[in-house]
């Protein structure tokens, strides 16, 4: 099962659309920080702006990771192959959950 998870993680982390979206999210964070610093530098405004973006960022990152894991899995048909060779559905779903957690932590 560990080979299945590692192969999926390698495939997912090398996909160009995921890299582009992740880079765009971090670029937006830098823009928000720079804009807040230049325009209205105040500790309260900075905290509110960055706090709001960070809350949205966690939701967006989680959504991106879930979509990247499952969409890539459907394209590569690895889930169907794993179930076809005898891996239980519960193990497959738990491995996908573990992949999402690992990608989010990374």
N, C-alpha and C. Protein backbone atom coordinates (compact mmCIF):
# COMPACT_ATOMS: atom_id res chain seq x y z
N UNK A 1 0.82 -1.19 0.00
CA UNK A 1 0.00 0.00 0.00
C UNK A 1 0.86 1.26 0.00
N UNK A 2 2.03 1.18 0.64
CA UNK A 2 2.90 2.36 0.68
C UNK A 2 3.42 2.70 -0.73
N UNK A 3 3.67 1.70 -1.55
CA UNK A 3 4.09 1.97 -2.94
C UNK A 3 2.99 2.68 -3.72
N UNK A 4 1.75 2.29 -3.47
CA UNK A 4 0.59 2.91 -4.12
C UNK A 4 0.51 4.39 -3.74
N UNK A 5 0.67 4.68 -2.46
CA UNK A 5 0.60 6.07 -1.98
C UNK A 5 1.77 6.88 -2.52
N UNK A 6 2.98 6.33 -2.47
CA UNK A 6 4.15 7.06 -2.96
C UNK A 6 4.07 7.33 -4.46
N UNK A 7 3.60 6.37 -5.22
CA UNK A 7 3.46 6.56 -6.67
C UNK A 7 2.44 7.66 -6.97
N UNK A 8 1.32 7.66 -6.24
CA UNK A 8 0.32 8.72 -6.43
C UNK A 8 0.88 10.08 -6.05
N UNK A 9 1.60 10.15 -4.95
CA UNK A 9 2.16 11.43 -4.52
C UNK A 9 3.18 11.96 -5.52
N UNK A 10 4.02 11.08 -6.05
CA UNK A 10 4.98 11.51 -7.08
C UNK A 10 4.27 12.04 -8.32
N UNK A 11 3.25 11.34 -8.74
CA UNK A 11 2.53 11.74 -9.94
C UNK A 11 1.80 13.06 -9.72
N UNK A 12 1.17 13.23 -8.57
CA UNK A 12 0.38 14.42 -8.31
C UNK A 12 1.27 15.66 -8.15
N UNK A 13 2.38 15.53 -7.44
CA UNK A 13 3.22 16.70 -7.19
C UNK A 13 3.93 17.21 -8.44
N UNK A 14 4.01 16.39 -9.47
CA UNK A 14 4.68 16.81 -10.70
C UNK A 14 3.73 17.34 -11.77
N UNK A 15 2.47 17.42 -11.45
CA UNK A 15 1.50 17.91 -12.44
C UNK A 15 1.60 19.43 -12.55
N UNK A 16 1.68 19.92 -13.77
CA UNK A 16 1.88 21.34 -14.04
C UNK A 16 0.70 22.20 -13.58
N UNK A 17 -0.58 21.83 -13.82
CA UNK A 17 -1.67 22.70 -13.36
C UNK A 17 -1.66 22.93 -11.85
N UNK A 18 -1.33 21.90 -11.08
CA UNK A 18 -1.28 22.06 -9.63
C UNK A 18 -0.16 23.02 -9.23
N UNK A 19 0.97 22.90 -9.88
CA UNK A 19 2.10 23.79 -9.58
C UNK A 19 1.75 25.23 -9.91
N UNK A 20 1.07 25.44 -11.04
CA UNK A 20 0.69 26.80 -11.44
C UNK A 20 -0.30 27.40 -10.45
N UNK A 21 -1.29 26.65 -10.04
CA UNK A 21 -2.30 27.16 -9.10
C UNK A 21 -1.67 27.45 -7.74
N UNK A 22 -0.81 26.56 -7.27
CA UNK A 22 -0.15 26.79 -5.99
C UNK A 22 0.74 28.04 -6.05
N UNK A 23 1.45 28.22 -7.15
CA UNK A 23 2.29 29.40 -7.31
C UNK A 23 1.45 30.67 -7.35
N UNK A 24 0.31 30.59 -8.02
CA UNK A 24 -0.59 31.75 -8.09
C UNK A 24 -1.13 32.12 -6.71
N UNK A 25 -1.48 31.12 -5.90
CA UNK A 25 -1.97 31.41 -4.56
C UNK A 25 -0.90 32.08 -3.70
N UNK A 26 0.31 31.61 -3.80
CA UNK A 26 1.38 32.23 -3.02
C UNK A 26 1.73 33.62 -3.56
N UNK A 27 1.62 33.82 -4.87
CA UNK A 27 1.85 35.15 -5.44
C UNK A 27 0.78 36.12 -4.95
N UNK A 28 -0.46 35.67 -4.87
CA UNK A 28 -1.53 36.52 -4.34
C UNK A 28 -1.25 36.88 -2.89
N UNK A 29 -0.74 35.95 -2.11
CA UNK A 29 -0.39 36.24 -0.72
C UNK A 29 0.69 37.33 -0.65
N UNK A 30 1.69 37.25 -1.49
CA UNK A 30 2.74 38.27 -1.51
C UNK A 30 2.17 39.61 -1.91
N UNK A 31 1.26 39.63 -2.88
CA UNK A 31 0.63 40.88 -3.31
C UNK A 31 -0.20 41.48 -2.17
N UNK A 32 -0.95 40.64 -1.47
CA UNK A 32 -1.76 41.14 -0.35
C UNK A 32 -0.86 41.73 0.74
N UNK A 33 0.23 41.05 1.04
CA UNK A 33 1.14 41.56 2.07
C UNK A 33 1.78 42.87 1.62
N UNK A 34 2.23 42.93 0.38
CA UNK A 34 2.86 44.14 -0.14
C UNK A 34 1.88 45.30 -0.19
N UNK A 35 0.67 45.04 -0.67
CA UNK A 35 -0.34 46.09 -0.77
C UNK A 35 -0.70 46.63 0.62
N UNK A 36 -0.85 45.74 1.56
CA UNK A 36 -1.18 46.16 2.92
C UNK A 36 -0.04 46.96 3.53
N UNK A 37 1.19 46.54 3.26
CA UNK A 37 2.35 47.22 3.81
C UNK A 37 2.50 48.61 3.21
N UNK A 38 2.29 48.74 1.90
CA UNK A 38 2.49 50.03 1.22
C UNK A 38 1.32 50.97 1.44
N UNK A 39 0.10 50.48 1.27
CA UNK A 39 -1.07 51.35 1.27
C UNK A 39 -1.45 51.84 2.66
N UNK A 40 -1.79 50.94 3.54
CA UNK A 40 -2.26 51.36 4.85
C UNK A 40 -1.59 50.51 5.93
N UNK A 41 -0.34 50.83 6.17
CA UNK A 41 0.42 50.07 7.16
C UNK A 41 -0.07 50.43 8.55
N UNK A 42 -0.76 49.50 9.11
CA UNK A 42 -1.25 49.61 10.47
C UNK A 42 -1.34 48.18 10.97
N UNK A 43 -0.97 47.96 12.20
CA UNK A 43 -0.93 46.59 12.69
C UNK A 43 -2.31 45.93 12.65
N UNK A 44 -3.36 46.71 12.89
CA UNK A 44 -4.70 46.15 12.87
C UNK A 44 -5.11 45.77 11.45
N UNK A 45 -4.90 46.69 10.50
CA UNK A 45 -5.23 46.39 9.10
C UNK A 45 -4.42 45.22 8.56
N UNK A 46 -3.14 45.20 8.89
CA UNK A 46 -2.29 44.11 8.42
C UNK A 46 -2.78 42.77 8.95
N UNK A 47 -3.09 42.72 10.23
CA UNK A 47 -3.56 41.48 10.85
C UNK A 47 -4.89 41.04 10.25
N UNK A 48 -5.80 41.97 10.04
CA UNK A 48 -7.11 41.62 9.47
C UNK A 48 -6.96 41.12 8.04
N UNK A 49 -6.19 41.83 7.22
CA UNK A 49 -6.03 41.43 5.82
C UNK A 49 -5.33 40.08 5.69
N UNK A 50 -4.25 39.91 6.40
CA UNK A 50 -3.51 38.66 6.30
C UNK A 50 -4.30 37.51 6.93
N UNK A 51 -4.97 37.78 8.04
CA UNK A 51 -5.78 36.74 8.68
C UNK A 51 -6.90 36.26 7.79
N UNK A 52 -7.56 37.18 7.12
CA UNK A 52 -8.64 36.81 6.19
C UNK A 52 -8.09 35.97 5.04
N UNK A 53 -6.96 36.39 4.48
CA UNK A 53 -6.40 35.64 3.36
C UNK A 53 -5.94 34.26 3.81
N UNK A 54 -5.35 34.16 4.97
CA UNK A 54 -4.86 32.87 5.44
C UNK A 54 -6.03 31.91 5.67
N UNK A 55 -7.15 32.41 6.19
CA UNK A 55 -8.33 31.55 6.35
C UNK A 55 -8.84 31.07 5.00
N UNK A 56 -8.89 31.97 4.02
CA UNK A 56 -9.31 31.57 2.68
C UNK A 56 -8.29 30.64 2.03
N UNK A 57 -7.01 30.88 2.31
CA UNK A 57 -5.95 30.08 1.72
C UNK A 57 -6.05 28.62 2.15
N UNK A 58 -6.34 28.38 3.42
CA UNK A 58 -6.44 27.00 3.88
C UNK A 58 -7.59 26.27 3.19
N UNK A 59 -8.70 26.97 3.00
CA UNK A 59 -9.83 26.36 2.30
C UNK A 59 -9.47 26.08 0.84
N UNK A 60 -8.84 27.05 0.18
CA UNK A 60 -8.47 26.86 -1.22
C UNK A 60 -7.43 25.76 -1.38
N UNK A 61 -6.45 25.71 -0.49
CA UNK A 61 -5.43 24.67 -0.59
C UNK A 61 -6.03 23.29 -0.38
N UNK A 62 -6.92 23.17 0.58
CA UNK A 62 -7.58 21.88 0.80
C UNK A 62 -8.39 21.46 -0.40
N UNK A 63 -9.11 22.39 -1.00
CA UNK A 63 -9.90 22.09 -2.18
C UNK A 63 -9.01 21.68 -3.35
N UNK A 64 -7.91 22.38 -3.53
CA UNK A 64 -6.99 22.07 -4.62
C UNK A 64 -6.40 20.68 -4.43
N UNK A 65 -6.03 20.35 -3.20
CA UNK A 65 -5.43 19.03 -2.96
C UNK A 65 -6.43 17.91 -3.19
N UNK A 66 -7.65 18.09 -2.72
CA UNK A 66 -8.67 17.05 -2.92
C UNK A 66 -8.95 16.87 -4.41
N UNK A 67 -9.10 17.97 -5.11
CA UNK A 67 -9.38 17.89 -6.55
C UNK A 67 -8.19 17.27 -7.28
N UNK A 68 -6.98 17.65 -6.92
CA UNK A 68 -5.82 17.11 -7.63
C UNK A 68 -5.66 15.61 -7.38
N UNK A 69 -5.92 15.15 -6.16
CA UNK A 69 -5.79 13.72 -5.86
C UNK A 69 -6.83 12.92 -6.62
N UNK A 70 -8.09 13.32 -6.54
CA UNK A 70 -9.13 12.51 -7.15
C UNK A 70 -9.21 12.67 -8.67
N UNK A 71 -8.96 13.87 -9.18
CA UNK A 71 -9.01 14.02 -10.65
C UNK A 71 -7.86 13.27 -11.30
N UNK A 72 -6.69 13.35 -10.68
CA UNK A 72 -5.56 12.62 -11.24
C UNK A 72 -5.77 11.12 -11.14
N UNK A 73 -6.43 10.69 -10.08
CA UNK A 73 -6.71 9.27 -9.92
C UNK A 73 -7.69 8.76 -10.97
N UNK A 74 -8.69 9.57 -11.30
CA UNK A 74 -9.64 9.15 -12.33
C UNK A 74 -9.00 9.17 -13.72
N UNK A 75 -8.09 10.11 -13.96
CA UNK A 75 -7.41 10.15 -15.25
C UNK A 75 -6.48 8.95 -15.43
N UNK A 76 -5.75 8.61 -14.36
CA UNK A 76 -4.80 7.51 -14.44
C UNK A 76 -5.45 6.14 -14.21
N UNK A 77 -6.68 6.15 -13.72
CA UNK A 77 -7.45 4.93 -13.43
C UNK A 77 -6.74 4.01 -12.44
N UNK A 78 -6.01 4.61 -11.49
CA UNK A 78 -5.32 3.79 -10.50
C UNK A 78 -6.27 3.22 -9.47
N UNK A 79 -7.33 3.95 -9.15
CA UNK A 79 -8.28 3.43 -8.17
C UNK A 79 -8.97 2.18 -8.71
N UNK A 80 -9.38 2.21 -9.97
CA UNK A 80 -10.03 1.05 -10.56
C UNK A 80 -9.07 -0.14 -10.62
N UNK A 81 -7.80 0.14 -10.91
CA UNK A 81 -6.83 -0.94 -10.99
C UNK A 81 -6.56 -1.53 -9.61
N UNK A 82 -6.47 -0.69 -8.60
CA UNK A 82 -6.22 -1.18 -7.24
C UNK A 82 -7.37 -2.04 -6.76
N UNK A 83 -8.59 -1.59 -7.01
CA UNK A 83 -9.76 -2.37 -6.61
C UNK A 83 -9.82 -3.66 -7.43
N UNK A 84 -9.42 -3.59 -8.69
CA UNK A 84 -9.45 -4.77 -9.55
C UNK A 84 -8.46 -5.85 -9.14
N UNK A 85 -7.33 -5.45 -8.53
CA UNK A 85 -6.35 -6.46 -8.13
C UNK A 85 -6.57 -6.97 -6.71
N UNK A 86 -7.61 -6.48 -6.05
CA UNK A 86 -7.96 -7.06 -4.77
C UNK A 86 -7.80 -6.17 -3.55
N UNK A 87 -7.41 -4.92 -3.72
CA UNK A 87 -7.32 -4.01 -2.59
C UNK A 87 -8.74 -3.56 -2.23
N UNK A 88 -9.05 -3.59 -0.94
CA UNK A 88 -10.42 -3.24 -0.53
C UNK A 88 -10.69 -1.75 -0.76
N UNK A 89 -11.94 -1.44 -0.96
CA UNK A 89 -12.33 -0.04 -1.19
C UNK A 89 -12.00 0.84 0.01
N UNK A 90 -12.14 0.28 1.20
CA UNK A 90 -11.82 1.06 2.40
C UNK A 90 -10.35 1.46 2.42
N UNK A 91 -9.46 0.55 2.04
CA UNK A 91 -8.04 0.87 2.00
C UNK A 91 -7.73 1.92 0.95
N UNK A 92 -8.40 1.83 -0.19
CA UNK A 92 -8.17 2.81 -1.26
C UNK A 92 -8.62 4.19 -0.80
N UNK A 93 -9.78 4.28 -0.20
CA UNK A 93 -10.29 5.58 0.26
C UNK A 93 -9.41 6.13 1.38
N UNK A 94 -8.98 5.29 2.29
CA UNK A 94 -8.09 5.74 3.36
C UNK A 94 -6.74 6.19 2.82
N UNK A 95 -6.25 5.51 1.79
CA UNK A 95 -4.99 5.94 1.20
C UNK A 95 -5.14 7.30 0.52
N UNK A 96 -6.28 7.52 -0.12
CA UNK A 96 -6.53 8.83 -0.74
C UNK A 96 -6.63 9.93 0.32
N UNK A 97 -7.26 9.62 1.43
CA UNK A 97 -7.34 10.59 2.54
C UNK A 97 -5.95 10.89 3.06
N UNK A 98 -5.12 9.87 3.21
CA UNK A 98 -3.75 10.06 3.67
C UNK A 98 -2.96 10.91 2.67
N UNK A 99 -3.18 10.70 1.40
CA UNK A 99 -2.49 11.49 0.38
C UNK A 99 -2.88 12.96 0.48
N UNK A 100 -4.16 13.24 0.68
CA UNK A 100 -4.62 14.62 0.80
C UNK A 100 -3.98 15.27 2.03
N UNK A 101 -3.92 14.55 3.12
CA UNK A 101 -3.31 15.09 4.34
C UNK A 101 -1.83 15.35 4.13
N UNK A 102 -1.13 14.42 3.51
CA UNK A 102 0.30 14.61 3.26
C UNK A 102 0.57 15.78 2.33
N UNK A 103 -0.23 15.92 1.29
CA UNK A 103 -0.04 17.04 0.36
C UNK A 103 -0.35 18.37 1.04
N UNK A 104 -1.35 18.38 1.88
CA UNK A 104 -1.70 19.62 2.58
C UNK A 104 -0.60 20.00 3.57
N UNK A 105 -0.05 19.04 4.26
CA UNK A 105 1.03 19.33 5.20
C UNK A 105 2.31 19.77 4.48
N UNK A 106 2.54 19.20 3.32
CA UNK A 106 3.75 19.58 2.57
C UNK A 106 3.60 20.97 2.01
